[in-house]
Amino acid sequence: MEQRFKGLTRIEKDYLDLQKRPLEGVQIKAENFSKKWDVFIEGPPATPYEGGKFHIELQIPDNYPFSWPKADPFRKEGKEL
């Protein structure tokens, strides 16, 4: 149980850091620091992906940060960021 509490604290820290200093072209959404993050990435300019918006779903494991999040493959989204 203690390990899970530490992992959740780290999730909160990482999420808040990304909200304070967002990565260009990347938006992250999570409800109440949940263990499921929706990440939306804009296709970089001057590449075949330019103008595209891509979604990846991250599943944060109970023993995060000692294990990597699992990610669904990229999916092209029709929604605006």
N, C-alpha and C. Protein backbone atom coordinates (compact mmCIF):
# COMPACT_ATOMS: atom_id res chain seq x y z
N MET A 1 0.82 -1.19 0.00
CA MET A 1 0.00 0.00 0.00
C MET A 1 0.87 1.26 0.00
N GLU A 2 1.93 1.27 0.78
CA GLU A 2 2.82 2.43 0.83
C GLU A 2 3.40 2.73 -0.54
N GLN A 3 3.81 1.69 -1.28
CA GLN A 3 4.37 1.87 -2.62
C GLN A 3 3.36 2.58 -3.53
N ARG A 4 2.11 2.20 -3.46
CA ARG A 4 1.08 2.80 -4.31
C ARG A 4 0.93 4.27 -3.97
N PHE A 5 0.96 4.63 -2.68
CA PHE A 5 0.83 6.03 -2.28
C PHE A 5 1.98 6.85 -2.85
N LYS A 6 3.20 6.33 -2.78
CA LYS A 6 4.35 7.04 -3.33
C LYS A 6 4.19 7.22 -4.83
N GLY A 7 3.72 6.19 -5.53
CA GLY A 7 3.52 6.29 -6.97
C GLY A 7 2.50 7.34 -7.32
N LEU A 8 1.42 7.40 -6.57
CA LEU A 8 0.38 8.39 -6.85
C LEU A 8 0.92 9.79 -6.63
N THR A 9 1.73 9.98 -5.60
CA THR A 9 2.35 11.28 -5.36
C THR A 9 3.23 11.67 -6.55
N ARG A 10 3.97 10.75 -7.07
CA ARG A 10 4.83 11.03 -8.21
C ARG A 10 4.00 11.36 -9.45
N ILE A 11 2.87 10.67 -9.63
CA ILE A 11 1.98 10.96 -10.74
C ILE A 11 1.49 12.40 -10.65
N GLU A 12 1.08 12.79 -9.47
CA GLU A 12 0.61 14.17 -9.27
C GLU A 12 1.70 15.16 -9.62
N LYS A 13 2.91 14.93 -9.13
CA LYS A 13 4.04 15.83 -9.40
C LYS A 13 4.32 15.92 -10.89
N ASP A 14 4.40 14.80 -11.55
CA ASP A 14 4.70 14.80 -12.98
C ASP A 14 3.61 15.50 -13.78
N TYR A 15 2.36 15.23 -13.43
CA TYR A 15 1.25 15.86 -14.15
C TYR A 15 1.27 17.38 -13.95
N LEU A 16 1.45 17.82 -12.71
CA LEU A 16 1.49 19.26 -12.45
C LEU A 16 2.66 19.93 -13.14
N ASP A 17 3.81 19.27 -13.16
CA ASP A 17 4.97 19.82 -13.88
C ASP A 17 4.66 20.00 -15.36
N LEU A 18 3.98 19.03 -15.96
CA LEU A 18 3.64 19.14 -17.38
C LEU A 18 2.57 20.20 -17.63
N GLN A 19 1.73 20.46 -16.66
CA GLN A 19 0.74 21.53 -16.82
C GLN A 19 1.39 22.90 -16.68
N LYS A 20 2.38 23.01 -15.79
CA LYS A 20 3.08 24.29 -15.59
C LYS A 20 4.01 24.61 -16.75
N ARG A 21 4.66 23.59 -17.28
CA ARG A 21 5.61 23.76 -18.38
C ARG A 21 5.25 22.80 -19.51
N PRO A 22 4.17 23.10 -20.22
CA PRO A 22 3.72 22.16 -21.26
C PRO A 22 4.73 22.04 -22.41
N LEU A 23 4.73 20.89 -23.01
CA LEU A 23 5.56 20.64 -24.18
C LEU A 23 4.85 21.22 -25.40
N GLU A 24 5.59 21.85 -26.28
CA GLU A 24 4.99 22.46 -27.46
C GLU A 24 4.31 21.39 -28.32
N GLY A 25 3.04 21.65 -28.66
CA GLY A 25 2.30 20.73 -29.51
C GLY A 25 1.74 19.52 -28.80
N VAL A 26 1.82 19.51 -27.45
CA VAL A 26 1.35 18.36 -26.68
C VAL A 26 0.37 18.85 -25.61
N GLN A 27 -0.76 18.16 -25.51
CA GLN A 27 -1.74 18.45 -24.47
C GLN A 27 -2.04 17.15 -23.73
N ILE A 28 -2.06 17.24 -22.40
CA ILE A 28 -2.30 16.06 -21.57
C ILE A 28 -3.54 16.31 -20.72
N LYS A 29 -4.43 15.32 -20.73
CA LYS A 29 -5.65 15.41 -19.92
C LYS A 29 -5.73 14.19 -19.02
N ALA A 30 -6.05 14.45 -17.76
CA ALA A 30 -6.27 13.37 -16.79
C ALA A 30 -7.24 13.91 -15.74
N GLU A 31 -8.17 13.08 -15.34
CA GLU A 31 -9.13 13.50 -14.32
C GLU A 31 -8.64 13.10 -12.94
N ASN A 32 -8.53 14.07 -12.06
CA ASN A 32 -8.14 13.82 -10.66
C ASN A 32 -6.87 12.99 -10.54
N PHE A 33 -5.89 13.30 -11.35
CA PHE A 33 -4.62 12.57 -11.34
C PHE A 33 -4.82 11.07 -11.51
N SER A 34 -5.76 10.72 -12.36
CA SER A 34 -6.06 9.31 -12.57
C SER A 34 -4.87 8.58 -13.17
N LYS A 35 -4.99 7.30 -13.25
CA LYS A 35 -3.93 6.48 -13.83
C LYS A 35 -4.10 6.31 -15.33
N LYS A 36 -5.04 7.04 -15.91
CA LYS A 36 -5.22 7.04 -17.37
C LYS A 36 -5.05 8.47 -17.84
N TRP A 37 -4.05 8.68 -18.70
CA TRP A 37 -3.81 9.99 -19.26
C TRP A 37 -4.11 9.93 -20.75
N ASP A 38 -4.80 10.95 -21.25
CA ASP A 38 -5.01 11.10 -22.68
C ASP A 38 -4.03 12.16 -23.17
N VAL A 39 -3.18 11.77 -24.09
CA VAL A 39 -2.15 12.66 -24.61
C VAL A 39 -2.48 12.96 -26.07
N PHE A 40 -2.51 14.24 -26.41
CA PHE A 40 -2.81 14.68 -27.77
C PHE A 40 -1.58 15.39 -28.31
N ILE A 41 -1.12 14.96 -29.47
CA ILE A 41 0.11 15.49 -30.06
C ILE A 41 -0.20 16.04 -31.45
N GLU A 42 0.25 17.27 -31.69
CA GLU A 42 0.11 17.87 -33.01
C GLU A 42 1.26 17.39 -33.89
N GLY A 43 0.94 17.10 -35.16
CA GLY A 43 2.00 16.71 -36.09
C GLY A 43 2.96 17.87 -36.29
N PRO A 44 4.27 17.62 -36.24
CA PRO A 44 5.25 18.70 -36.38
C PRO A 44 5.23 19.32 -37.77
N PRO A 45 5.50 20.63 -37.84
CA PRO A 45 5.53 21.29 -39.14
C PRO A 45 6.63 20.73 -40.06
N ALA A 46 6.39 20.87 -41.34
CA ALA A 46 7.35 20.46 -42.37
C ALA A 46 7.64 18.95 -42.32
N THR A 47 6.65 18.16 -41.89
CA THR A 47 6.76 16.70 -41.91
C THR A 47 5.48 16.17 -42.54
N PRO A 48 5.45 14.92 -42.94
CA PRO A 48 4.21 14.35 -43.46
C PRO A 48 3.06 14.36 -42.44
N TYR A 49 3.38 14.56 -41.16
CA TYR A 49 2.37 14.56 -40.11
C TYR A 49 1.81 15.95 -39.82
N GLU A 50 2.33 16.97 -40.48
CA GLU A 50 1.88 18.34 -40.26
C GLU A 50 0.37 18.45 -40.44
N GLY A 51 -0.28 19.14 -39.51
CA GLY A 51 -1.72 19.31 -39.55
C GLY A 51 -2.49 18.17 -38.90
N GLY A 52 -1.81 17.08 -38.60
CA GLY A 52 -2.47 15.95 -37.95
C GLY A 52 -2.53 16.14 -36.44
N LYS A 53 -3.50 15.53 -35.83
CA LYS A 53 -3.62 15.52 -34.38
C LYS A 53 -3.72 14.05 -33.97
N PHE A 54 -2.86 13.65 -33.09
CA PHE A 54 -2.74 12.25 -32.73
C PHE A 54 -3.00 12.05 -31.25
N HIS A 55 -3.64 10.94 -30.92
CA HIS A 55 -4.03 10.64 -29.55
C HIS A 55 -3.34 9.37 -29.11
N ILE A 56 -2.81 9.40 -27.92
CA ILE A 56 -2.25 8.20 -27.31
C ILE A 56 -2.78 8.12 -25.88
N GLU A 57 -3.17 6.94 -25.45
CA GLU A 57 -3.70 6.75 -24.10
C GLU A 57 -2.64 6.06 -23.26
N LEU A 58 -2.25 6.70 -22.17
CA LEU A 58 -1.27 6.13 -21.26
C LEU A 58 -1.97 5.52 -20.06
N GLN A 59 -1.57 4.31 -19.70
CA GLN A 59 -2.04 3.65 -18.48
C GLN A 59 -0.87 3.64 -17.50
N ILE A 60 -1.06 4.30 -16.37
CA ILE A 60 0.02 4.41 -15.37
C ILE A 60 -0.07 3.21 -14.42
N PRO A 61 1.01 2.42 -14.29
CA PRO A 61 0.96 1.24 -13.43
C PRO A 61 1.00 1.62 -11.94
N ASP A 62 0.57 0.71 -11.11
CA ASP A 62 0.57 0.94 -9.66
C ASP A 62 1.97 1.23 -9.12
N ASN A 63 2.98 0.63 -9.71
CA ASN A 63 4.34 0.82 -9.19
C ASN A 63 5.12 1.90 -9.97
N TYR A 64 4.41 2.81 -10.61
CA TYR A 64 5.05 3.97 -11.25
C TYR A 64 5.76 4.78 -10.17
N PRO A 65 6.94 5.25 -10.37
CA PRO A 65 7.74 5.38 -11.58
C PRO A 65 8.72 4.24 -11.82
N PHE A 66 8.59 3.15 -11.07
CA PHE A 66 9.53 2.04 -11.22
C PHE A 66 9.21 1.18 -12.45
N SER A 67 8.01 1.32 -12.97
CA SER A 67 7.62 0.67 -14.23
C SER A 67 7.09 1.75 -15.16
N TRP A 68 7.35 1.59 -16.44
CA TRP A 68 6.92 2.55 -17.45
C TRP A 68 5.41 2.49 -17.66
N PRO A 69 4.81 3.63 -18.01
CA PRO A 69 3.40 3.60 -18.41
C PRO A 69 3.24 2.76 -19.68
N LYS A 70 2.08 2.16 -19.83
CA LYS A 70 1.76 1.42 -21.06
C LYS A 70 0.99 2.37 -21.96
N ALA A 71 1.24 2.27 -23.25
CA ALA A 71 0.63 3.20 -24.20
C ALA A 71 -0.08 2.44 -25.31
N ASP A 72 -1.28 2.90 -25.63
CA ASP A 72 -1.97 2.42 -26.82
C ASP A 72 -1.29 3.07 -28.02
N PRO A 73 -1.32 2.42 -29.16
CA PRO A 73 -0.70 3.02 -30.35
C PRO A 73 -1.37 4.35 -30.70
N PHE A 74 -0.62 5.15 -31.42
CA PHE A 74 -1.15 6.44 -31.88
C PHE A 74 -2.40 6.22 -32.72
N ARG A 75 -3.37 7.10 -32.52
CA ARG A 75 -4.59 7.12 -33.35
C ARG A 75 -4.78 8.54 -33.82
N LYS A 76 -5.07 8.72 -35.08
CA LYS A 76 -5.33 10.05 -35.60
C LYS A 76 -6.72 10.48 -35.14
N GLU A 77 -6.81 11.69 -34.65
CA GLU A 77 -8.06 12.22 -34.12
C GLU A 77 -8.61 13.28 -35.05
N GLY A 78 -9.91 13.36 -35.16
CA GLY A 78 -10.55 14.42 -35.91
C GLY A 78 -10.90 15.62 -35.05
N LYS A 79 -10.71 15.49 -33.74
CA LYS A 79 -11.07 16.56 -32.82
C LYS A 79 -9.94 17.58 -32.70
N GLU A 80 -10.34 18.80 -32.45
CA GLU A 80 -9.35 19.85 -32.18
C GLU A 80 -8.78 19.65 -30.77
N LEU A 81 -7.59 20.16 -30.57
CA LEU A 81 -6.96 20.06 -29.23
C LEU A 81 -7.62 20.98 -28.27
